[in-house]
Amino acid sequence: MTFSDRSLDRIIERRKHRRSMLPPGSLLSFSPVSASLDGAFDVEGEGVLLDLSQGGCRVSSETSVMLEQPYTLIIQLPDFRRPVTVESAIARWKGTHTFGVMFIAMHQEQEQSLNEFLRYLHSNVA
C-alpha cells in the first residue's frame, strides 16, 4: 500500500511526537526481528533518516519493507559515537523509496540516547 501526499498529510496530523529534520549523515539499517519460515519476508537494508521523533522516523531507502512486519533498527546519528538500537519497530506506510516507521520497543538506555539527540536537535533549531 502506498500513500499520496494528501494521505501523508493526514498521517502527519495524527502524530503523537514532534518530528525533527535531521542533518546529513543520519543513517539507519534494518533487519527482521525474527526470521520467517520460508525466508520470503526477511528483508534487510539500509537507508537515510529524513526525520525522527521519540515515536518513529521517516526513511529513504532503495530497499522496500513489508508493512506491519517487526524490524530491528540501528540508527547512526551524526555527532553521536554510539548508534541507537530500536529492538522492535514496524513500517506503518511506504511510498516510492520512502517509508515511515513506528518504534515499538527500545531498551531504556537506547531511549535515553535518542531523547538526548532530539533535545540537541531542538536546542539548535530554536
PDB file of N, CA and C in Angstrom:
ATOM      1  N   MET A   1       0.844  -1.161   0.000  1.00  0.00           N
ATOM      2  CA  MET A   1       0.000   0.000   0.000  1.00  0.00           C
ATOM      3  C   MET A   1       0.899   1.237   0.000  1.00  0.00           C
ATOM      4  N   THR A   2       0.704   2.127  -0.926  1.00  0.00           N
ATOM      5  CA  THR A   2       1.455   3.372  -0.969  1.00  0.00           C
ATOM      6  C   THR A   2       0.496   4.522  -0.708  1.00  0.00           C
ATOM      7  N   PHE A   3       1.063   5.673  -0.383  1.00  0.00           N
ATOM      8  CA  PHE A   3       0.254   6.814   0.001  1.00  0.00           C
ATOM      9  C   PHE A   3       0.530   8.011  -0.881  1.00  0.00           C
ATOM     10  N   SER A   4      -0.500   8.791  -1.118  1.00  0.00           N
ATOM     11  CA  SER A   4      -0.360  10.052  -1.835  1.00  0.00           C
ATOM     12  C   SER A   4       0.091  11.121  -0.848  1.00  0.00           C
ATOM     13  N   ASP A   5       0.443  12.299  -1.363  1.00  0.00           N
ATOM     14  CA  ASP A   5       0.830  13.405  -0.493  1.00  0.00           C
ATOM     15  C   ASP A   5      -0.296  13.767   0.464  1.00  0.00           C
ATOM     16  N   ARG A   6      -1.535  13.719  -0.004  1.00  0.00           N
ATOM     17  CA  ARG A   6      -2.686  14.039   0.844  1.00  0.00           C
ATOM     18  C   ARG A   6      -2.798  13.037   1.999  1.00  0.00           C
ATOM     19  N   SER A   7      -2.599  11.766   1.715  1.00  0.00           N
ATOM     20  CA  SER A   7      -2.648  10.745   2.764  1.00  0.00           C
ATOM     21  C   SER A   7      -1.530  10.953   3.772  1.00  0.00           C
ATOM     22  N   LEU A   8      -0.338  11.293   3.290  1.00  0.00           N
ATOM     23  CA  LEU A   8       0.782  11.545   4.196  1.00  0.00           C
ATOM     24  C   LEU A   8       0.496  12.733   5.095  1.00  0.00           C
ATOM     25  N   ASP A   9      -0.160  13.771   4.576  1.00  0.00           N
ATOM     26  CA  ASP A   9      -0.523  14.924   5.400  1.00  0.00           C
ATOM     27  C   ASP A   9      -1.434  14.499   6.548  1.00  0.00           C
ATOM     28  N   ARG A  10      -2.376  13.601   6.292  1.00  0.00           N
ATOM     29  CA  ARG A  10      -3.267  13.118   7.351  1.00  0.00           C
ATOM     30  C   ARG A  10      -2.502  12.306   8.388  1.00  0.00           C
ATOM     31  N   ILE A  11      -1.531  11.530   7.962  1.00  0.00           N
ATOM     32  CA  ILE A  11      -0.707  10.772   8.902  1.00  0.00           C
ATOM     33  C   ILE A  11       0.069  11.730   9.788  1.00  0.00           C
ATOM     34  N   ILE A  12       0.652  12.758   9.205  1.00  0.00           N
ATOM     35  CA  ILE A  12       1.424  13.734   9.966  1.00  0.00           C
ATOM     36  C   ILE A  12       0.556  14.389  11.027  1.00  0.00           C
ATOM     37  N   GLU A  13      -0.691  14.713  10.710  1.00  0.00           N
ATOM     38  CA  GLU A  13      -1.590  15.346  11.666  1.00  0.00           C
ATOM     39  C   GLU A  13      -1.862  14.447  12.871  1.00  0.00           C
ATOM     40  N   ARG A  14      -1.798  13.131  12.723  1.00  0.00           N
ATOM     41  CA  ARG A  14      -2.103  12.197  13.806  1.00  0.00           C
ATOM     42  C   ARG A  14      -0.886  11.860  14.663  1.00  0.00           C
ATOM     43  N   ARG A  15       0.262  12.353  14.362  1.00  0.00           N
ATOM     44  CA  ARG A  15       1.465  12.000  15.104  1.00  0.00           C
ATOM     45  C   ARG A  15       1.391  12.483  16.545  1.00  0.00           C
ATOM     46  N   LYS A  16       1.940  11.667  17.439  1.00  0.00           N
ATOM     47  CA  LYS A  16       1.966  11.998  18.861  1.00  0.00           C
ATOM     48  C   LYS A  16       3.204  12.800  19.235  1.00  0.00           C
ATOM     49  N   HIS A  17       4.271  12.654  18.464  1.00  0.00           N
ATOM     50  CA  HIS A  17       5.550  13.274  18.795  1.00  0.00           C
ATOM     51  C   HIS A  17       6.000  14.193  17.666  1.00  0.00           C
ATOM     52  N   ARG A  18       6.655  15.269  18.058  1.00  0.00           N
ATOM     53  CA  ARG A  18       7.199  16.216  17.089  1.00  0.00           C
ATOM     54  C   ARG A  18       8.346  15.555  16.332  1.00  0.00           C
ATOM     55  N   ARG A  19       8.325  15.654  15.024  1.00  0.00           N
ATOM     56  CA  ARG A  19       9.408  15.111  14.199  1.00  0.00           C
ATOM     57  C   ARG A  19      10.429  16.198  13.931  1.00  0.00           C
ATOM     58  N   SER A  20      11.678  15.828  13.949  1.00  0.00           N
ATOM     59  CA  SER A  20      12.773  16.756  13.691  1.00  0.00           C
ATOM     60  C   SER A  20      13.467  16.378  12.396  1.00  0.00           C
ATOM     61  N   MET A  21      13.731  17.387  11.576  1.00  0.00           N
ATOM     62  CA  MET A  21      14.538  17.161  10.383  1.00  0.00           C
ATOM     63  C   MET A  21      15.961  16.871  10.843  1.00  0.00           C
ATOM     64  N   LEU A  22      16.657  16.049  10.090  1.00  0.00           N
ATOM     65  CA  LEU A  22      17.976  15.602  10.519  1.00  0.00           C
ATOM     66  C   LEU A  22      19.073  16.114   9.610  1.00  0.00           C
ATOM     67  N   PRO A  23      20.266  16.289  10.187  1.00  0.00           N
ATOM     68  CA  PRO A  23      21.404  16.696   9.363  1.00  0.00           C
ATOM     69  C   PRO A  23      21.873  15.536   8.496  1.00  0.00           C
ATOM     70  N   PRO A  24      22.624  15.841   7.440  1.00  0.00           N
ATOM     71  CA  PRO A  24      23.183  14.772   6.599  1.00  0.00           C
ATOM     72  C   PRO A  24      24.006  13.804   7.451  1.00  0.00           C
ATOM     73  N   GLY A  25      24.027  12.573   7.046  1.00  0.00           N
ATOM     74  CA  GLY A  25      24.807  11.578   7.774  1.00  0.00           C
ATOM     75  C   GLY A  25      24.004  10.798   8.791  1.00  0.00           C
ATOM     76  N   SER A  26      22.689  11.003   8.831  1.00  0.00           N
ATOM     77  CA  SER A  26      21.819  10.242   9.731  1.00  0.00           C
ATOM     78  C   SER A  26      21.401   8.972   8.997  1.00  0.00           C
ATOM     79  N   LEU A  27      21.937   7.851   9.429  1.00  0.00           N
ATOM     80  CA  LEU A  27      21.759   6.595   8.696  1.00  0.00           C
ATOM     81  C   LEU A  27      21.018   5.564   9.533  1.00  0.00           C
ATOM     82  N   LEU A  28      20.459   4.571   8.849  1.00  0.00           N
ATOM     83  CA  LEU A  28      19.696   3.527   9.517  1.00  0.00           C
ATOM     84  C   LEU A  28      19.918   2.208   8.789  1.00  0.00           C
ATOM     85  N   SER A  29      20.018   1.135   9.548  1.00  0.00           N
ATOM     86  CA  SER A  29      19.980  -0.203   8.955  1.00  0.00           C
ATOM     87  C   SER A  29      18.851  -0.961   9.638  1.00  0.00           C
ATOM     88  N   PHE A  30      18.257  -1.896   8.913  1.00  0.00           N
ATOM     89  CA  PHE A  30      17.127  -2.629   9.473  1.00  0.00           C
ATOM     90  C   PHE A  30      17.193  -4.092   9.079  1.00  0.00           C
ATOM     91  N   SER A  31      16.657  -4.929   9.962  1.00  0.00           N
ATOM     92  CA  SER A  31      16.570  -6.369   9.718  1.00  0.00           C
ATOM     93  C   SER A  31      15.351  -6.897  10.462  1.00  0.00           C
ATOM     94  N   PRO A  32      14.793  -8.019  10.006  1.00  0.00           N
ATOM     95  CA  PRO A  32      13.613  -8.569  10.673  1.00  0.00           C
ATOM     96  C   PRO A  32      13.924  -8.960  12.114  1.00  0.00           C
ATOM     97  N   VAL A  33      12.936  -8.786  12.993  1.00  0.00           N
ATOM     98  CA  VAL A  33      13.105  -9.194  14.386  1.00  0.00           C
ATOM     99  C   VAL A  33      13.315 -10.700  14.463  1.00  0.00           C
ATOM    100  N   SER A  34      12.549 -11.449  13.691  1.00  0.00           N
ATOM    101  CA  SER A  34      12.728 -12.904  13.646  1.00  0.00           C
ATOM    102  C   SER A  34      12.609 -13.371  12.198  1.00  0.00           C
ATOM    103  N   ALA A  35      13.291 -14.435  11.902  1.00  0.00           N
ATOM    104  CA  ALA A  35      13.282 -14.958  10.530  1.00  0.00           C
ATOM    105  C   ALA A  35      11.952 -15.647  10.234  1.00  0.00           C
ATOM    106  N   SER A  36      11.469 -15.474   9.011  1.00  0.00           N
ATOM    107  CA  SER A  36      10.257 -16.180   8.594  1.00  0.00           C
ATOM    108  C   SER A  36      10.617 -17.610   8.206  1.00  0.00           C
ATOM    109  N   LEU A  37       9.639 -18.479   8.218  1.00  0.00           N
ATOM    110  CA  LEU A  37       9.896 -19.891   7.919  1.00  0.00           C
ATOM    111  C   LEU A  37      10.441 -20.107   6.517  1.00  0.00           C
ATOM    112  N   ASP A  38       9.915 -19.363   5.549  1.00  0.00           N
ATOM    113  CA  ASP A  38      10.358 -19.562   4.165  1.00  0.00           C
ATOM    114  C   ASP A  38      11.373 -18.521   3.696  1.00  0.00           C
ATOM    115  N   GLY A  39      11.670 -17.543   4.546  1.00  0.00           N
ATOM    116  CA  GLY A  39      12.645 -16.516   4.183  1.00  0.00           C
ATOM    117  C   GLY A  39      12.120 -15.448   3.252  1.00  0.00           C
ATOM    118  N   ALA A  40      10.855 -15.519   2.887  1.00  0.00           N
ATOM    119  CA  ALA A  40      10.288 -14.588   1.901  1.00  0.00           C
ATOM    120  C   ALA A  40      10.235 -13.152   2.402  1.00  0.00           C
ATOM    121  N   PHE A  41      10.099 -12.959   3.710  1.00  0.00           N
ATOM    122  CA  PHE A  41       9.945 -11.607   4.244  1.00  0.00           C
ATOM    123  C   PHE A  41      11.164 -11.152   5.033  1.00  0.00           C
ATOM    124  N   ASP A  42      12.274 -11.817   4.865  1.00  0.00           N
ATOM    125  CA  ASP A  42      13.483 -11.498   5.614  1.00  0.00           C
ATOM    126  C   ASP A  42      14.284 -10.398   4.935  1.00  0.00           C
ATOM    127  N   VAL A  43      13.664  -9.258   4.751  1.00  0.00           N
ATOM    128  CA  VAL A  43      14.280  -8.127   4.065  1.00  0.00           C
ATOM    129  C   VAL A  43      15.198  -7.385   5.030  1.00  0.00           C
ATOM    130  N   GLU A  44      16.428  -7.176   4.623  1.00  0.00           N
ATOM    131  CA  GLU A  44      17.380  -6.350   5.354  1.00  0.00           C
ATOM    132  C   GLU A  44      17.788  -5.216   4.445  1.00  0.00           C
ATOM    133  N   GLY A  45      18.127  -4.080   5.041  1.00  0.00           N
ATOM    134  CA  GLY A  45      18.540  -2.970   4.203  1.00  0.00           C
ATOM    135  C   GLY A  45      19.089  -1.814   4.998  1.00  0.00           C
ATOM    136  N   GLU A  46      19.390  -0.760   4.269  1.00  0.00           N
ATOM    137  CA  GLU A  46      19.929   0.470   4.840  1.00  0.00           C
ATOM    138  C   GLU A  46      19.183   1.641   4.241  1.00  0.00           C
ATOM    139  N   GLY A  47      19.259   2.757   4.932  1.00  0.00           N
ATOM    140  CA  GLY A  47      18.613   3.948   4.419  1.00  0.00           C
ATOM    141  C   GLY A  47      19.139   5.196   5.088  1.00  0.00           C
ATOM    142  N   VAL A  48      18.599   6.314   4.655  1.00  0.00           N
ATOM    143  CA  VAL A  48      18.936   7.622   5.212  1.00  0.00           C
ATOM    144  C   VAL A  48      17.721   8.109   5.984  1.00  0.00           C
ATOM    145  N   LEU A  49      17.949   8.545   7.220  1.00  0.00           N
ATOM    146  CA  LEU A  49      16.857   9.097   8.020  1.00  0.00           C
ATOM    147  C   LEU A  49      16.521  10.493   7.520  1.00  0.00           C
ATOM    148  N   LEU A  50      15.246  10.727   7.263  1.00  0.00           N
ATOM    149  CA  LEU A  50      14.794  12.041   6.811  1.00  0.00           C
ATOM    150  C   LEU A  50      14.268  12.872   7.967  1.00  0.00           C
ATOM    151  N   ASP A  51      13.580  12.232   8.907  1.00  0.00           N
ATOM    152  CA  ASP A  51      13.158  12.900  10.130  1.00  0.00           C
ATOM    153  C   ASP A  51      13.033  11.859  11.230  1.00  0.00           C
ATOM    154  N   LEU A  52      12.924  12.357  12.479  1.00  0.00           N
ATOM    155  CA  LEU A  52      12.995  11.476  13.632  1.00  0.00           C
ATOM    156  C   LEU A  52      12.192  12.069  14.772  1.00  0.00           C
ATOM    157  N   SER A  53      11.539  11.204  15.548  1.00  0.00           N
ATOM    158  CA  SER A  53      10.857  11.626  16.770  1.00  0.00           C
ATOM    159  C   SER A  53      11.039  10.537  17.816  1.00  0.00           C
ATOM    160  N   GLN A  54      10.482  10.764  19.004  1.00  0.00           N
ATOM    161  CA  GLN A  54      10.534   9.748  20.053  1.00  0.00           C
ATOM    162  C   GLN A  54       9.781   8.490  19.647  1.00  0.00           C
ATOM    163  N   GLY A  55       8.814   8.638  18.761  1.00  0.00           N
ATOM    164  CA  GLY A  55       7.965   7.508  18.421  1.00  0.00           C
ATOM    165  C   GLY A  55       8.198   6.876  17.066  1.00  0.00           C
ATOM    166  N   GLY A  56       9.093   7.465  16.245  1.00  0.00           N
ATOM    167  CA  GLY A  56       9.301   6.884  14.928  1.00  0.00           C
ATOM    168  C   GLY A  56      10.185   7.726  14.039  1.00  0.00           C
ATOM    169  N   CYS A  57      10.245   7.363  12.764  1.00  0.00           N
ATOM    170  CA  CYS A  57      11.087   8.087  11.823  1.00  0.00           C
ATOM    171  C   CYS A  57      10.595   7.862  10.396  1.00  0.00           C
ATOM    172  N   ARG A  58      11.097   8.705   9.514  1.00  0.00           N
ATOM    173  CA  ARG A  58      10.847   8.556   8.072  1.00  0.00           C
ATOM    174  C   ARG A  58      12.183   8.247   7.425  1.00  0.00           C
ATOM    175  N   VAL A  59      12.183   7.261   6.534  1.00  0.00           N
ATOM    176  CA  VAL A  59      13.417   6.731   5.967  1.00  0.00           C
ATOM    177  C   VAL A  59      13.349   6.761   4.445  1.00  0.00           C
ATOM    178  N   SER A  60      14.465   7.108   3.826  1.00  0.00           N
ATOM    179  CA  SER A  60      14.627   6.974   2.381  1.00  0.00           C
ATOM    180  C   SER A  60      15.524   5.766   2.150  1.00  0.00           C
ATOM    181  N   SER A  61      15.031   4.812   1.340  1.00  0.00           N
ATOM    182  CA  SER A  61      15.800   3.589   1.106  1.00  0.00           C
ATOM    183  C   SER A  61      15.433   2.989  -0.241  1.00  0.00           C
ATOM    184  N   GLU A  62      16.402   2.379  -0.875  1.00  0.00           N
ATOM    185  CA  GLU A  62      16.155   1.640  -2.110  1.00  0.00           C
ATOM    186  C   GLU A  62      15.502   0.288  -1.818  1.00  0.00           C
ATOM    187  N   THR A  63      15.585  -0.164  -0.577  1.00  0.00           N
ATOM    188  CA  THR A  63      15.015  -1.450  -0.179  1.00  0.00           C
ATOM    189  C   THR A  63      13.582  -1.253   0.287  1.00  0.00           C
ATOM    190  N   SER A  64      12.678  -2.029  -0.231  1.00  0.00           N
ATOM    191  CA  SER A  64      11.272  -1.954   0.160  1.00  0.00           C
ATOM    192  C   SER A  64      11.033  -2.818   1.396  1.00  0.00           C
ATOM    193  N   VAL A  65      10.262  -2.305   2.341  1.00  0.00           N
ATOM    194  CA  VAL A  65       9.942  -3.040   3.561  1.00  0.00           C
ATOM    195  C   VAL A  65       8.528  -3.605   3.482  1.00  0.00           C
ATOM    196  N   MET A  66       8.246  -4.560   4.337  1.00  0.00           N
ATOM    197  CA  MET A  66       6.902  -5.126   4.460  1.00  0.00           C
ATOM    198  C   MET A  66       6.163  -4.346   5.542  1.00  0.00           C
ATOM    199  N   LEU A  67       4.959  -3.891   5.246  1.00  0.00           N
ATOM    200  CA  LEU A  67       4.160  -3.174   6.230  1.00  0.00           C
ATOM    201  C   LEU A  67       3.789  -4.091   7.393  1.00  0.00           C
ATOM    202  N   GLU A  68       3.804  -3.511   8.583  1.00  0.00           N
ATOM    203  CA  GLU A  68       3.404  -4.187   9.824  1.00  0.00           C
ATOM    204  C   GLU A  68       4.315  -5.335  10.243  1.00  0.00           C
ATOM    205  N   GLN A  69       5.414  -5.569   9.544  1.00  0.00           N
ATOM    206  CA  GLN A  69       6.368  -6.593   9.979  1.00  0.00           C
ATOM    207  C   GLN A  69       7.348  -5.957  10.952  1.00  0.00           C
ATOM    208  N   PRO A  70       7.657  -6.618  12.073  1.00  0.00           N
ATOM    209  CA  PRO A  70       8.604  -6.036  13.024  1.00  0.00           C
ATOM    210  C   PRO A  70      10.051  -6.113  12.526  1.00  0.00           C
ATOM    211  N   TYR A  71      10.748  -5.004  12.685  1.00  0.00           N
ATOM    212  CA  TYR A  71      12.158  -4.893  12.316  1.00  0.00           C
ATOM    213  C   TYR A  71      12.961  -4.406  13.512  1.00  0.00           C
ATOM    214  N   THR A  72      14.216  -4.794  13.567  1.00  0.00           N
ATOM    215  CA  THR A  72      15.179  -4.196  14.477  1.00  0.00           C
ATOM    216  C   THR A  72      15.903  -3.113  13.690  1.00  0.00           C
ATOM    217  N   LEU A  73      16.045  -1.940  14.303  1.00  0.00           N
ATOM    218  CA  LEU A  73      16.697  -0.810  13.637  1.00  0.00           C
ATOM    219  C   LEU A  73      17.984  -0.451  14.357  1.00  0.00           C
ATOM    220  N   ILE A  74      18.978  -0.058  13.601  1.00  0.00           N
ATOM    221  CA  ILE A  74      20.195   0.527  14.159  1.00  0.00           C
ATOM    222  C   ILE A  74      20.333   1.896  13.518  1.00  0.00           C
ATOM    223  N   ILE A  75      20.269   2.921  14.361  1.00  0.00           N
ATOM    224  CA  ILE A  75      20.285   4.305  13.897  1.00  0.00           C
ATOM    225  C   ILE A  75      21.632   4.923  14.231  1.00  0.00           C
ATOM    226  N   GLN A  76      22.315   5.434  13.213  1.00  0.00           N
ATOM    227  CA  GLN A  76      23.593   6.116  13.410  1.00  0.00           C
ATOM    228  C   GLN A  76      23.357   7.606  13.219  1.00  0.00           C
ATOM    229  N   LEU A  77      23.545   8.354  14.298  1.00  0.00           N
ATOM    230  CA  LEU A  77      23.274   9.786  14.287  1.00  0.00           C
ATOM    231  C   LEU A  77      24.575  10.574  14.250  1.00  0.00           C
ATOM    232  N   PRO A  78      24.612  11.660  13.484  1.00  0.00           N
ATOM    233  CA  PRO A  78      25.817  12.487  13.431  1.00  0.00           C
ATOM    234  C   PRO A  78      26.174  13.005  14.824  1.00  0.00           C
ATOM    235  N   ASP A  79      27.431  13.118  15.106  1.00  0.00           N
ATOM    236  CA  ASP A  79      27.953  13.649  16.365  1.00  0.00           C
ATOM    237  C   ASP A  79      27.700  12.737  17.565  1.00  0.00           C
ATOM    238  N   PHE A  80      27.179  11.548  17.356  1.00  0.00           N
ATOM    239  CA  PHE A  80      26.990  10.592  18.437  1.00  0.00           C
ATOM    240  C   PHE A  80      27.801   9.350  18.089  1.00  0.00           C
ATOM    241  N   ARG A  81      28.678   8.970  18.982  1.00  0.00           N
ATOM    242  CA  ARG A  81      29.600   7.869  18.688  1.00  0.00           C
ATOM    243  C   ARG A  81      28.906   6.519  18.620  1.00  0.00           C
ATOM    244  N   ARG A  82      27.964   6.303  19.531  1.00  0.00           N
ATOM    245  CA  ARG A  82      27.290   5.009  19.563  1.00  0.00           C
ATOM    246  C   ARG A  82      25.959   5.071  18.822  1.00  0.00           C
ATOM    247  N   PRO A  83      25.657   4.047  18.066  1.00  0.00           N
ATOM    248  CA  PRO A  83      24.344   4.012  17.410  1.00  0.00           C
ATOM    249  C   PRO A  83      23.235   3.759  18.428  1.00  0.00           C
ATOM    250  N   VAL A  84      22.021   4.111  18.046  1.00  0.00           N
ATOM    251  CA  VAL A  84      20.833   3.834  18.850  1.00  0.00           C
ATOM    252  C   VAL A  84      20.154   2.609  18.241  1.00  0.00           C
ATOM    253  N   THR A  85      19.837   1.632  19.077  1.00  0.00           N
ATOM    254  CA  THR A  85      19.171   0.421  18.613  1.00  0.00           C
ATOM    255  C   THR A  85      17.714   0.427  19.052  1.00  0.00           C
ATOM    256  N   VAL A  86      16.832   0.203  18.104  1.00  0.00           N
ATOM    257  CA  VAL A  86      15.406   0.033  18.385  1.00  0.00           C
ATOM    258  C   VAL A  86      15.141  -1.460  18.247  1.00  0.00           C
ATOM    259  N   GLU A  87      14.768  -2.093  19.346  1.00  0.00           N
ATOM    260  CA  GLU A  87      14.584  -3.549  19.350  1.00  0.00           C
ATOM    261  C   GLU A  87      13.462  -4.002  18.426  1.00  0.00           C
ATOM    262  N   SER A  88      12.395  -3.211  18.363  1.00  0.00           N
ATOM    263  CA  SER A  88      11.264  -3.581  17.516  1.00  0.00           C
ATOM    264  C   SER A  88      10.589  -2.324  16.988  1.00  0.00           C
ATOM    265  N   ALA A  89      10.359  -2.295  15.689  1.00  0.00           N
ATOM    266  CA  ALA A  89       9.672  -1.186  15.021  1.00  0.00           C
ATOM    267  C   ALA A  89       8.900  -1.764  13.846  1.00  0.00           C
ATOM    268  N   ILE A  90       7.813  -1.097  13.466  1.00  0.00           N
ATOM    269  CA  ILE A  90       7.049  -1.567  12.313  1.00  0.00           C
ATOM    270  C   ILE A  90       6.888  -0.451  11.295  1.00  0.00           C
ATOM    271  N   ALA A  91       6.923  -0.836  10.041  1.00  0.00           N
ATOM    272  CA  ALA A  91       6.665   0.117   8.955  1.00  0.00           C
ATOM    273  C   ALA A  91       5.154   0.324   8.883  1.00  0.00           C
ATOM    274  N   ARG A  92       4.724   1.582   9.047  1.00  0.00           N
ATOM    275  CA  ARG A  92       3.296   1.902   9.042  1.00  0.00           C
ATOM    276  C   ARG A  92       2.804   2.327   7.664  1.00  0.00           C
ATOM    277  N   TRP A  93       3.698   2.880   6.844  1.00  0.00           N
ATOM    278  CA  TRP A  93       3.334   3.295   5.486  1.00  0.00           C
ATOM    279  C   TRP A  93       4.589   3.217   4.632  1.00  0.00           C
ATOM    280  N   LYS A  94       4.384   3.149   3.330  1.00  0.00           N
ATOM    281  CA  LYS A  94       5.530   3.205   2.428  1.00  0.00           C
ATOM    282  C   LYS A  94       5.113   3.881   1.137  1.00  0.00           C
ATOM    283  N   GLY A  95       6.087   4.539   0.539  1.00  0.00           N
ATOM    284  CA  GLY A  95       5.914   5.200  -0.740  1.00  0.00           C
ATOM    285  C   GLY A  95       7.049   4.762  -1.650  1.00  0.00           C
ATOM    286  N   THR A  96       7.297   5.528  -2.692  1.00  0.00           N
ATOM    287  CA  THR A  96       8.394   5.223  -3.594  1.00  0.00           C
ATOM    288  C   THR A  96       9.704   5.599  -2.907  1.00  0.00           C
ATOM    289  N   HIS A  97      10.473   4.617  -2.510  1.00  0.00           N
ATOM    290  CA  HIS A  97      11.782   4.796  -1.865  1.00  0.00           C
ATOM    291  C   HIS A  97      11.710   5.495  -0.511  1.00  0.00           C
ATOM    292  N   THR A  98      10.552   5.543   0.122  1.00  0.00           N
ATOM    293  CA  THR A  98      10.441   6.068   1.487  1.00  0.00           C
ATOM    294  C   THR A  98       9.471   5.198   2.275  1.00  0.00           C
ATOM    295  N   PHE A  99       9.653   5.203   3.587  1.00  0.00           N
ATOM    296  CA  PHE A  99       8.691   4.535   4.459  1.00  0.00           C
ATOM    297  C   PHE A  99       8.735   5.174   5.839  1.00  0.00           C
ATOM    298  N   GLY A 100       7.640   5.032   6.556  1.00  0.00           N
ATOM    299  CA  GLY A 100       7.526   5.561   7.906  1.00  0.00           C
ATOM    300  C   GLY A 100       7.496   4.429   8.904  1.00  0.00           C
ATOM    301  N   VAL A 101       8.250   4.589   9.986  1.00  0.00           N
ATOM    302  CA  VAL A 101       8.410   3.545  10.986  1.00  0.00           C
ATOM    303  C   VAL A 101       7.905   4.041  12.337  1.00  0.00           C
ATOM    304  N   MET A 102       7.194   3.175  13.045  1.00  0.00           N
ATOM    305  CA  MET A 102       6.774   3.446  14.412  1.00  0.00           C
ATOM    306  C   MET A 102       7.596   2.554  15.341  1.00  0.00           C
ATOM    307  N   PHE A 103       8.221   3.180  16.361  1.00  0.00           N
ATOM    308  CA  PHE A 103       9.008   2.418  17.324  1.00  0.00           C
ATOM    309  C   PHE A 103       8.059   1.687  18.276  1.00  0.00           C
ATOM    310  N   ILE A 104       8.346   0.421  18.530  1.00  0.00           N
ATOM    311  CA  ILE A 104       7.530  -0.396  19.424  1.00  0.00           C
ATOM    312  C   ILE A 104       8.259  -0.658  20.742  1.00  0.00           C
ATOM    313  N   ALA A 105       9.532  -1.045  20.683  1.00  0.00           N
ATOM    314  CA  ALA A 105      10.270  -1.398  21.899  1.00  0.00           C
ATOM    315  C   ALA A 105      11.728  -0.975  21.782  1.00  0.00           C
ATOM    316  N   MET A 106      12.214  -0.338  22.870  1.00  0.00           N
ATOM    317  CA  MET A 106      13.622   0.062  22.977  1.00  0.00           C
ATOM    318  C   MET A 106      14.070  -0.171  24.415  1.00  0.00           C
ATOM    319  N   HIS A 107      15.331  -0.511  24.593  1.00  0.00           N
ATOM    320  CA  HIS A 107      15.888  -0.551  25.938  1.00  0.00           C
ATOM    321  C   HIS A 107      15.953   0.878  26.468  1.00  0.00           C
ATOM    322  N   GLN A 108      15.824   1.029  27.765  1.00  0.00           N
ATOM    323  CA  GLN A 108      15.783   2.354  28.383  1.00  0.00           C
ATOM    324  C   GLN A 108      17.021   3.184  28.036  1.00  0.00           C
ATOM    325  N   GLU A 109      18.185   2.573  28.051  1.00  0.00           N
ATOM    326  CA  GLU A 109      19.425   3.291  27.727  1.00  0.00           C
ATOM    327  C   GLU A 109      19.384   3.841  26.297  1.00  0.00           C
ATOM    328  N   GLN A 110      18.852   3.055  25.377  1.00  0.00           N
ATOM    329  CA  GLN A 110      18.751   3.486  23.980  1.00  0.00           C
ATOM    330  C   GLN A 110      17.742   4.629  23.836  1.00  0.00           C
ATOM    331  N   GLU A 111      16.641   4.528  24.568  1.00  0.00           N
ATOM    332  CA  GLU A 111      15.635   5.586  24.537  1.00  0.00           C
ATOM    333  C   GLU A 111      16.209   6.891  25.089  1.00  0.00           C
ATOM    334  N   GLN A 112      17.011   6.802  26.133  1.00  0.00           N
ATOM    335  CA  GLN A 112      17.659   7.990  26.691  1.00  0.00           C
ATOM    336  C   GLN A 112      18.614   8.618  25.677  1.00  0.00           C
ATOM    337  N   SER A 113      19.364   7.797  24.960  1.00  0.00           N
ATOM    338  CA  SER A 113      20.269   8.323  23.930  1.00  0.00           C
ATOM    339  C   SER A 113      19.494   9.019  22.819  1.00  0.00           C
ATOM    340  N   LEU A 114      18.388   8.423  22.401  1.00  0.00           N
ATOM    341  CA  LEU A 114      17.544   9.037  21.377  1.00  0.00           C
ATOM    342  C   LEU A 114      16.998  10.373  21.863  1.00  0.00           C
ATOM    343  N   ASN A 115      16.497  10.412  23.096  1.00  0.00           N
ATOM    344  CA  ASN A 115      15.957  11.661  23.639  1.00  0.00           C
ATOM    345  C   ASN A 115      17.031  12.734  23.775  1.00  0.00           C
ATOM    346  N   GLU A 116      18.233  12.334  24.141  1.00  0.00           N
ATOM    347  CA  GLU A 116      19.351  13.280  24.230  1.00  0.00           C
ATOM    348  C   GLU A 116      19.639  13.894  22.860  1.00  0.00           C
ATOM    349  N   PHE A 117      19.652  13.069  21.835  1.00  0.00           N
ATOM    350  CA  PHE A 117      19.888  13.572  20.483  1.00  0.00           C
ATOM    351  C   PHE A 117      18.768  14.517  20.048  1.00  0.00           C
ATOM    352  N   LEU A 118      17.519  14.167  20.339  1.00  0.00           N
ATOM    353  CA  LEU A 118      16.388  15.029  19.966  1.00  0.00           C
ATOM    354  C   LEU A 118      16.447  16.367  20.699  1.00  0.00           C
ATOM    355  N   ARG A 119      16.824  16.355  21.976  1.00  0.00           N
ATOM    356  CA  ARG A 119      16.987  17.627  22.718  1.00  0.00           C
ATOM    357  C   ARG A 119      18.073  18.481  22.071  1.00  0.00           C
ATOM    358  N   TYR A 120      19.163  17.845  21.666  1.00  0.00           N
ATOM    359  CA  TYR A 120      20.247  18.549  20.987  1.00  0.00           C
ATOM    360  C   TYR A 120      19.732  19.194  19.699  1.00  0.00           C
ATOM    361  N   LEU A 121      18.975  18.435  18.913  1.00  0.00           N
ATOM    362  CA  LEU A 121      18.415  18.980  17.669  1.00  0.00           C
ATOM    363  C   LEU A 121      17.486  20.155  17.938  1.00  0.00           C
ATOM    364  N   HIS A 122      16.592  20.004  18.903  1.00  0.00           N
ATOM    365  CA  HIS A 122      15.624  21.063  19.207  1.00  0.00           C
ATOM    366  C   HIS A 122      16.314  22.320  19.727  1.00  0.00           C
ATOM    367  N   SER A 123      17.385  22.168  20.504  1.00  0.00           N
ATOM    368  CA  SER A 123      18.082  23.347  21.034  1.00  0.00           C
ATOM    369  C   SER A 123      18.833  24.088  19.933  1.00  0.00           C
ATOM    370  N   ASN A 124      19.263  23.382  18.896  1.00  0.00           N
ATOM    371  CA  ASN A 124      19.976  24.032  17.795  1.00  0.00           C
ATOM    372  C   ASN A 124      19.042  24.655  16.772  1.00  0.00           C
ATOM    373  N   VAL A 125      17.767  24.255  16.786  1.00  0.00           N
ATOM    374  CA  VAL A 125      16.782  24.832  15.867  1.00  0.00           C
ATOM    375  C   VAL A 125      16.221  26.117  16.445  1.00  0.00           C
ATOM    376  N   ALA A 126      16.042  26.135  17.769  1.00  0.00           N
ATOM    377  CA  ALA A 126      15.427  27.293  18.441  1.00  0.00           C
ATOM    378  C   ALA A 126      16.315  28.502  18.426  1.00  0.00           C
TER     379      ALA A 126
END
